[in-house]
């Protein structure tokens, strides 16, 4: 059984530790098995590429690298980083994420 993570694709997050501390961005991809995520514009790495259709000359390309989810905090509707909790929704009887700082449900 896979463990649920506190972030999902499309969430706005803030990096809370490491070289990119304080940077914010949108989550592009989440690898649940490795518990890592790729955040837009954060942790840029240089990748050496061969010539291909996209890049006919090849060379060095900058792209986003993985960040462990423990180093990310979700940004709630008010624009502040918050911890995430889970609770049972009364209407739909499903588990929903909510902001521990403000108490509002995260869509």
N, C-alpha and C. Protein backbone atom coordinates (compact mmCIF):
# COMPACT_ATOMS: atom_id res chain seq x y z
N UNK A 1 0.84 -1.19 0.00
CA UNK A 1 0.00 0.00 0.00
C UNK A 1 0.88 1.25 0.00
N UNK A 2 0.54 2.20 -0.85
CA UNK A 2 1.31 3.44 -0.95
C UNK A 2 0.86 4.42 0.11
N UNK A 3 1.82 5.18 0.61
CA UNK A 3 1.52 6.23 1.58
C UNK A 3 1.09 7.48 0.82
N UNK A 4 0.05 8.15 1.30
CA UNK A 4 -0.39 9.40 0.68
C UNK A 4 0.55 10.52 1.09
N UNK A 5 0.84 11.39 0.14
CA UNK A 5 1.71 12.53 0.41
C UNK A 5 0.88 13.78 0.65
N UNK A 6 1.50 14.79 1.25
CA UNK A 6 0.79 16.01 1.57
C UNK A 6 0.74 16.98 0.39
N UNK A 7 1.43 16.68 -0.71
CA UNK A 7 1.38 17.54 -1.89
C UNK A 7 0.92 16.73 -3.09
N UNK A 8 0.36 17.45 -4.06
CA UNK A 8 -0.11 16.84 -5.30
C UNK A 8 0.37 17.69 -6.47
N UNK A 9 0.27 17.14 -7.66
CA UNK A 9 0.60 17.88 -8.87
C UNK A 9 -0.32 19.09 -8.97
N UNK A 10 0.26 20.26 -9.27
CA UNK A 10 -0.53 21.49 -9.41
C UNK A 10 -0.56 22.35 -8.16
N UNK A 11 -0.10 21.83 -7.02
CA UNK A 11 -0.07 22.62 -5.79
C UNK A 11 1.01 23.69 -5.85
N UNK A 12 0.78 24.80 -5.15
CA UNK A 12 1.82 25.81 -4.97
C UNK A 12 2.54 25.48 -3.66
N UNK A 13 3.87 25.39 -3.72
CA UNK A 13 4.65 25.00 -2.55
C UNK A 13 5.81 25.95 -2.33
N UNK A 14 6.35 25.89 -1.11
CA UNK A 14 7.54 26.65 -0.74
C UNK A 14 8.60 25.66 -0.27
N UNK A 15 9.86 25.91 -0.66
CA UNK A 15 10.97 25.06 -0.22
C UNK A 15 11.40 25.56 1.16
N UNK A 16 11.47 24.64 2.14
CA UNK A 16 11.77 25.06 3.51
C UNK A 16 13.20 24.74 3.94
N UNK A 17 13.95 23.99 3.11
CA UNK A 17 15.35 23.74 3.45
C UNK A 17 16.14 23.42 2.20
N UNK A 18 17.46 23.52 2.31
CA UNK A 18 18.34 23.24 1.18
C UNK A 18 18.79 24.51 0.48
N UNK A 19 19.42 24.32 -0.69
CA UNK A 19 19.95 25.46 -1.44
C UNK A 19 18.86 26.40 -1.94
N UNK A 20 17.69 25.87 -2.20
CA UNK A 20 16.59 26.67 -2.76
C UNK A 20 15.62 27.14 -1.68
N UNK A 21 16.07 27.23 -0.44
CA UNK A 21 15.19 27.60 0.67
C UNK A 21 14.51 28.95 0.41
N UNK A 22 13.19 28.99 0.61
CA UNK A 22 12.43 30.21 0.41
C UNK A 22 11.82 30.35 -0.97
N UNK A 23 12.27 29.54 -1.93
CA UNK A 23 11.73 29.61 -3.28
C UNK A 23 10.33 29.01 -3.33
N UNK A 24 9.50 29.57 -4.21
CA UNK A 24 8.14 29.06 -4.37
C UNK A 24 7.92 28.65 -5.81
N UNK A 25 7.02 27.71 -6.02
CA UNK A 25 6.71 27.28 -7.37
C UNK A 25 5.56 26.30 -7.39
N UNK A 26 5.19 25.92 -8.60
CA UNK A 26 4.09 24.98 -8.82
C UNK A 26 4.67 23.58 -9.00
N UNK A 27 4.03 22.58 -8.40
CA UNK A 27 4.49 21.19 -8.51
C UNK A 27 4.13 20.67 -9.90
N UNK A 28 5.16 20.22 -10.65
CA UNK A 28 4.95 19.71 -11.99
C UNK A 28 4.76 18.20 -12.00
N UNK A 29 5.44 17.49 -11.09
CA UNK A 29 5.40 16.03 -11.08
C UNK A 29 5.70 15.54 -9.67
N UNK A 30 5.02 14.47 -9.25
CA UNK A 30 5.27 13.87 -7.94
C UNK A 30 5.54 12.39 -8.14
N UNK A 31 6.68 11.90 -7.63
CA UNK A 31 7.01 10.48 -7.65
C UNK A 31 6.70 9.94 -6.26
N UNK A 32 5.58 9.22 -6.14
CA UNK A 32 5.11 8.76 -4.85
C UNK A 32 6.05 7.70 -4.26
N UNK A 33 6.58 6.81 -5.10
CA UNK A 33 7.45 5.74 -4.62
C UNK A 33 8.74 6.28 -4.01
N UNK A 34 9.35 7.26 -4.67
CA UNK A 34 10.60 7.85 -4.18
C UNK A 34 10.37 9.00 -3.22
N UNK A 35 9.12 9.45 -3.08
CA UNK A 35 8.74 10.60 -2.25
C UNK A 35 9.49 11.86 -2.65
N UNK A 36 9.54 12.11 -3.96
CA UNK A 36 10.21 13.29 -4.49
C UNK A 36 9.29 14.01 -5.45
N UNK A 37 9.54 15.30 -5.66
CA UNK A 37 8.71 16.11 -6.54
C UNK A 37 9.59 17.02 -7.38
N UNK A 38 9.05 17.44 -8.51
CA UNK A 38 9.70 18.44 -9.35
C UNK A 38 8.87 19.72 -9.26
N UNK A 39 9.53 20.82 -8.87
CA UNK A 39 8.86 22.11 -8.69
C UNK A 39 9.36 23.06 -9.77
N UNK A 40 8.42 23.78 -10.39
CA UNK A 40 8.72 24.68 -11.49
C UNK A 40 9.70 25.79 -11.07
N UNK A 41 10.83 25.88 -11.76
CA UNK A 41 11.81 26.94 -11.53
C UNK A 41 12.68 26.78 -10.30
N UNK A 42 12.63 25.62 -9.63
CA UNK A 42 13.39 25.40 -8.40
C UNK A 42 14.34 24.23 -8.60
N UNK A 43 15.54 24.32 -8.01
CA UNK A 43 16.55 23.26 -8.08
C UNK A 43 16.94 22.98 -9.53
N UNK A 44 17.36 24.02 -10.24
CA UNK A 44 17.75 23.88 -11.64
C UNK A 44 19.09 23.15 -11.75
N UNK A 45 19.14 22.13 -12.61
CA UNK A 45 20.35 21.35 -12.83
C UNK A 45 20.73 21.43 -14.30
N UNK A 46 22.02 21.21 -14.59
CA UNK A 46 22.50 21.22 -15.98
C UNK A 46 22.55 19.79 -16.50
N UNK A 47 21.93 19.56 -17.65
CA UNK A 47 21.90 18.23 -18.25
C UNK A 47 22.56 18.32 -19.62
N UNK A 48 23.52 17.47 -19.85
CA UNK A 48 24.21 17.42 -21.14
C UNK A 48 23.39 16.57 -22.09
N UNK A 49 23.06 17.12 -23.27
CA UNK A 49 22.21 16.40 -24.22
C UNK A 49 22.90 16.24 -25.56
N UNK A 50 22.56 15.14 -26.22
CA UNK A 50 23.03 14.91 -27.58
C UNK A 50 22.14 15.70 -28.54
N UNK A 51 22.60 15.90 -29.77
CA UNK A 51 21.73 16.55 -30.75
C UNK A 51 20.47 15.72 -31.00
N UNK A 52 19.32 16.38 -31.01
CA UNK A 52 18.05 15.71 -31.28
C UNK A 52 17.12 16.68 -32.00
N UNK A 53 15.87 16.28 -32.22
CA UNK A 53 14.93 17.11 -32.96
C UNK A 53 14.65 18.43 -32.25
N UNK A 54 14.51 18.40 -30.91
CA UNK A 54 14.25 19.62 -30.15
C UNK A 54 15.46 20.55 -30.13
N UNK A 55 16.64 19.96 -29.97
CA UNK A 55 17.88 20.72 -29.83
C UNK A 55 18.89 20.19 -30.85
N UNK A 56 18.89 20.72 -32.09
CA UNK A 56 19.72 20.16 -33.16
C UNK A 56 21.23 20.22 -32.87
N UNK A 57 21.67 21.18 -32.08
CA UNK A 57 23.10 21.29 -31.77
C UNK A 57 23.50 20.46 -30.56
N UNK A 58 22.55 20.15 -29.69
CA UNK A 58 22.91 19.47 -28.44
C UNK A 58 23.42 20.50 -27.45
N UNK A 59 24.20 20.05 -26.47
CA UNK A 59 24.79 20.97 -25.53
C UNK A 59 24.25 20.80 -24.12
N UNK A 60 24.32 21.88 -23.34
CA UNK A 60 23.92 21.84 -21.95
C UNK A 60 22.55 22.52 -21.82
N UNK A 61 21.61 21.80 -21.18
CA UNK A 61 20.25 22.30 -21.01
C UNK A 61 19.96 22.39 -19.52
N UNK A 62 19.35 23.51 -19.09
CA UNK A 62 18.94 23.68 -17.69
C UNK A 62 17.53 23.13 -17.52
N UNK A 63 17.33 22.29 -16.49
CA UNK A 63 16.00 21.77 -16.20
C UNK A 63 15.85 21.57 -14.71
N UNK A 64 14.60 21.38 -14.26
CA UNK A 64 14.32 21.23 -12.84
C UNK A 64 14.75 19.84 -12.37
N UNK A 65 15.29 19.79 -11.15
CA UNK A 65 15.66 18.52 -10.53
C UNK A 65 14.68 18.16 -9.43
N UNK A 66 14.80 16.95 -8.94
CA UNK A 66 13.90 16.47 -7.88
C UNK A 66 14.22 17.12 -6.54
N UNK A 67 13.17 17.27 -5.71
CA UNK A 67 13.29 17.73 -4.33
C UNK A 67 12.49 16.77 -3.48
N UNK A 68 13.01 16.38 -2.32
CA UNK A 68 12.28 15.48 -1.43
C UNK A 68 11.07 16.22 -0.86
N UNK A 69 9.94 15.52 -0.73
CA UNK A 69 8.70 16.17 -0.29
C UNK A 69 8.79 16.68 1.15
N UNK A 70 9.72 16.14 1.95
CA UNK A 70 9.87 16.63 3.33
C UNK A 70 10.44 18.04 3.36
N UNK A 71 11.02 18.48 2.26
CA UNK A 71 11.58 19.84 2.17
C UNK A 71 10.60 20.83 1.56
N UNK A 72 9.34 20.43 1.37
CA UNK A 72 8.33 21.28 0.76
C UNK A 72 7.18 21.51 1.72
N UNK A 73 6.64 22.73 1.69
CA UNK A 73 5.45 23.06 2.48
C UNK A 73 4.42 23.65 1.54
N UNK A 74 3.19 23.25 1.70
CA UNK A 74 2.10 23.72 0.86
C UNK A 74 1.76 25.17 1.19
N UNK A 75 1.41 25.94 0.16
CA UNK A 75 0.97 27.32 0.36
C UNK A 75 -0.55 27.32 0.24
N UNK A 76 -1.24 27.78 1.30
CA UNK A 76 -2.70 27.76 1.31
C UNK A 76 -3.27 28.98 0.58
N UNK A 77 -4.57 29.15 0.62
CA UNK A 77 -5.25 30.22 -0.10
C UNK A 77 -4.82 31.62 0.31
N UNK A 78 -4.35 31.79 1.55
CA UNK A 78 -3.93 33.11 2.01
C UNK A 78 -2.51 33.45 1.59
N UNK A 79 -1.79 32.50 0.98
CA UNK A 79 -0.44 32.75 0.49
C UNK A 79 0.65 32.46 1.50
N UNK A 80 0.30 31.80 2.61
CA UNK A 80 1.28 31.46 3.63
C UNK A 80 1.54 29.96 3.65
N UNK A 81 2.78 29.55 3.94
CA UNK A 81 3.06 28.12 4.02
C UNK A 81 2.37 27.51 5.24
N UNK A 82 1.88 26.30 5.08
CA UNK A 82 1.13 25.65 6.15
C UNK A 82 1.38 24.15 6.15
N UNK A 83 1.11 23.55 7.30
CA UNK A 83 1.12 22.09 7.38
C UNK A 83 -0.21 21.58 6.84
N UNK A 84 -0.24 20.32 6.45
CA UNK A 84 -1.43 19.75 5.84
C UNK A 84 -1.95 18.63 6.72
N UNK A 85 -3.26 18.62 6.93
CA UNK A 85 -3.90 17.54 7.66
C UNK A 85 -4.95 16.88 6.78
N UNK A 86 -5.45 15.74 7.22
CA UNK A 86 -6.52 15.05 6.50
C UNK A 86 -7.68 14.82 7.45
N UNK A 87 -8.89 15.01 6.93
CA UNK A 87 -10.08 14.74 7.73
C UNK A 87 -11.16 14.20 6.80
N UNK A 88 -12.16 13.59 7.39
CA UNK A 88 -13.25 13.01 6.63
C UNK A 88 -14.29 14.08 6.32
N UNK A 89 -14.64 14.22 5.05
CA UNK A 89 -15.66 15.18 4.64
C UNK A 89 -17.04 14.60 4.93
N UNK A 90 -17.90 15.37 5.60
CA UNK A 90 -19.21 14.86 6.00
C UNK A 90 -20.11 14.61 4.79
N UNK A 91 -20.05 15.49 3.79
CA UNK A 91 -20.95 15.39 2.64
C UNK A 91 -20.62 14.19 1.76
N UNK A 92 -19.36 14.11 1.33
CA UNK A 92 -18.99 13.07 0.37
C UNK A 92 -18.42 11.81 1.02
N UNK A 93 -18.17 11.86 2.33
CA UNK A 93 -17.61 10.72 3.07
C UNK A 93 -16.23 10.33 2.54
N UNK A 94 -15.46 11.31 2.03
CA UNK A 94 -14.11 11.06 1.52
C UNK A 94 -13.11 11.86 2.34
N UNK A 95 -11.86 11.42 2.29
CA UNK A 95 -10.78 12.12 2.98
C UNK A 95 -10.38 13.36 2.19
N UNK A 96 -10.31 14.52 2.85
CA UNK A 96 -9.90 15.76 2.20
C UNK A 96 -8.72 16.36 2.94
N UNK A 97 -7.91 17.13 2.20
CA UNK A 97 -6.79 17.83 2.82
C UNK A 97 -7.26 19.18 3.34
N UNK A 98 -6.69 19.60 4.49
CA UNK A 98 -7.03 20.92 5.01
C UNK A 98 -5.78 21.59 5.57
N UNK A 99 -5.80 22.92 5.60
CA UNK A 99 -4.70 23.72 6.12
C UNK A 99 -4.77 23.73 7.64
N UNK A 100 -3.67 23.35 8.29
CA UNK A 100 -3.66 23.35 9.75
C UNK A 100 -3.56 24.77 10.31
N UNK A 101 -3.10 25.72 9.50
CA UNK A 101 -2.97 27.10 9.95
C UNK A 101 -4.32 27.81 9.94
N UNK A 102 -5.06 27.69 8.84
CA UNK A 102 -6.33 28.40 8.71
C UNK A 102 -7.55 27.48 8.90
N UNK A 103 -7.38 26.19 8.73
CA UNK A 103 -8.48 25.25 8.89
C UNK A 103 -9.34 25.05 7.66
N UNK A 104 -9.03 25.78 6.57
CA UNK A 104 -9.85 25.67 5.36
C UNK A 104 -9.44 24.44 4.53
N UNK A 105 -10.39 23.91 3.79
CA UNK A 105 -10.16 22.72 2.96
C UNK A 105 -9.38 23.14 1.71
N UNK A 106 -8.39 22.32 1.34
CA UNK A 106 -7.56 22.58 0.17
C UNK A 106 -8.15 21.83 -1.01
N UNK A 107 -8.41 22.54 -2.08
CA UNK A 107 -8.98 21.92 -3.28
C UNK A 107 -7.92 21.18 -4.05
